[in-house]
Each structure stands twice: as structure tokens, then as C-alpha cells.
Amino acid sequence: MEISVPHWQAEDGWHIDVRGLGPPQPMVQILTLLQITTDSEVIVHHDREPISLYPELAERGWNHEVIPGEDGEVRLRLWPE
């Protein structure tokens, strides 16, 4: 699988912007990036809280927290256990 949404590396880790995608594409794109970036933090830019993503993260050994983002954005920080 290939990442088909904006993603970039910054000082605070990898970023991925899945805003505007319909389910299940945000989860698919995020999990694909996590397969590539197995040891660095990932910042997710989303337009809603991805409740169904959390069990998948736990199963793969990733932690998560909601962090401040732009208005109308849910921003998550993900990091490996």
C-alpha cells in the first residue's frame, strides 16, 4: 500500500494530513505510514477523532494522545511503546 495523502517529516516527527477523507481511508493511510516509520513520532491532522483507530494502534504497540491543533482539526500525537 502506498501513502496517497500529504505527509512530511519535521523536527517533531512525521506528519500526515488525512482531513477530508472518507472512512476507512484515514485509518488505512495512518497505518501505512506507521509501517514505514516504526521508531519515530507521528502527528496526525484529522477532521474528527478516529475512535476506531485506537484499538488498532494498541494492537500494533503505538500510544496516542490528542494535542492542540488548528480550529476544526483533531491533531493526534502517536509514538511507539
Protein backbone atom coordinates (compact mmCIF):
# COMPACT_ATOMS: atom_id res chain seq x y z
CA MET A 1 0.00 0.00 0.00
CA GLU A 2 1.19 3.49 -0.79
CA ILE A 3 0.57 6.73 1.08
CA SER A 4 -1.59 8.94 -1.14
CA VAL A 5 -2.13 11.92 1.19
CA PRO A 6 0.14 14.79 2.21
CA HIS A 7 2.85 13.60 4.60
CA TRP A 8 6.14 15.16 5.61
CA GLN A 9 8.94 14.93 8.13
CA ALA A 10 9.59 17.78 10.57
CA GLU A 11 11.58 18.27 13.77
CA ASP A 12 8.77 16.76 15.85
CA GLY A 13 8.43 13.64 13.67
CA TRP A 14 6.37 12.60 10.67
CA HIS A 15 3.11 14.40 9.86
CA ILE A 16 0.19 13.02 7.87
CA ASP A 17 -2.89 15.00 6.81
CA VAL A 18 -5.98 12.83 6.38
CA ARG A 19 -8.56 15.61 6.60
CA GLY A 20 -11.38 15.32 4.08
CA LEU A 21 -11.02 11.58 3.52
CA GLY A 22 -13.97 9.25 3.99
CA PRO A 23 -13.71 6.07 6.06
CA PRO A 24 -11.74 3.86 6.03
CA GLN A 25 -9.07 5.84 4.16
CA PRO A 26 -7.78 7.89 7.15
CA MET A 27 -7.08 4.69 9.11
CA VAL A 28 -5.55 2.96 6.09
CA GLN A 29 -3.23 5.90 5.36
CA ILE A 30 -2.18 6.29 9.02
CA LEU A 31 -1.45 2.58 9.48
CA THR A 32 0.52 2.53 6.23
CA LEU A 33 2.72 5.39 7.48
CA LEU A 34 3.24 3.61 10.80
CA GLN A 35 4.63 0.59 8.92
CA ILE A 36 7.24 2.89 7.36
CA THR A 37 8.08 4.98 10.44
CA THR A 38 8.37 2.30 13.08
CA ASP A 39 10.52 4.29 15.53
CA SER A 40 9.54 7.96 15.29
CA GLU A 41 6.60 10.04 16.43
CA VAL A 42 3.75 10.70 14.03
CA ILE A 43 1.47 13.74 14.10
CA VAL A 44 -1.94 13.11 12.51
CA HIS A 45 -4.01 16.01 11.16
CA HIS A 46 -7.62 14.79 11.12
CA ASP A 47 -11.06 16.40 10.98
CA ARG A 48 -12.63 14.08 13.57
CA GLU A 49 -11.47 11.91 16.45
CA PRO A 50 -10.65 8.47 14.98
CA ILE A 51 -12.10 6.29 17.76
CA SER A 52 -11.85 3.10 15.67
CA LEU A 53 -8.13 3.73 15.12
CA TYR A 54 -7.23 3.46 18.82
CA PRO A 55 -7.60 -0.34 19.18
CA GLU A 56 -5.54 -0.80 16.01
CA LEU A 57 -2.79 1.40 17.43
CA ALA A 58 -2.74 -0.53 20.72
CA GLU A 59 -2.54 -3.83 18.85
CA ARG A 60 0.50 -2.57 16.93
CA GLY A 61 2.23 -1.17 20.03
CA TRP A 62 1.55 2.54 19.49
CA ASN A 63 0.40 5.11 22.06
CA HIS A 64 -1.70 8.16 21.24
CA GLU A 65 -2.84 11.47 22.66
CA VAL A 66 -4.89 14.37 21.35
CA ILE A 67 -2.81 17.56 21.17
CA PRO A 68 -3.72 21.17 20.31
CA GLY A 69 -4.33 21.81 16.62
CA GLU A 70 -5.93 24.35 14.34
CA ASP A 71 -9.62 25.27 14.65
CA GLY A 72 -11.76 22.42 13.30
CA GLU A 73 -8.86 19.97 13.40
CA VAL A 74 -8.24 16.98 15.64
CA ARG A 75 -4.49 16.54 15.98
CA LEU A 76 -3.02 13.36 17.39
CA ARG A 77 0.48 12.51 18.51
CA LEU A 78 1.39 8.84 18.06
CA TRP A 79 4.53 7.19 19.39
CA PRO A 80 5.77 3.61 19.63
CA GLU A 81 5.79 1.85 23.01
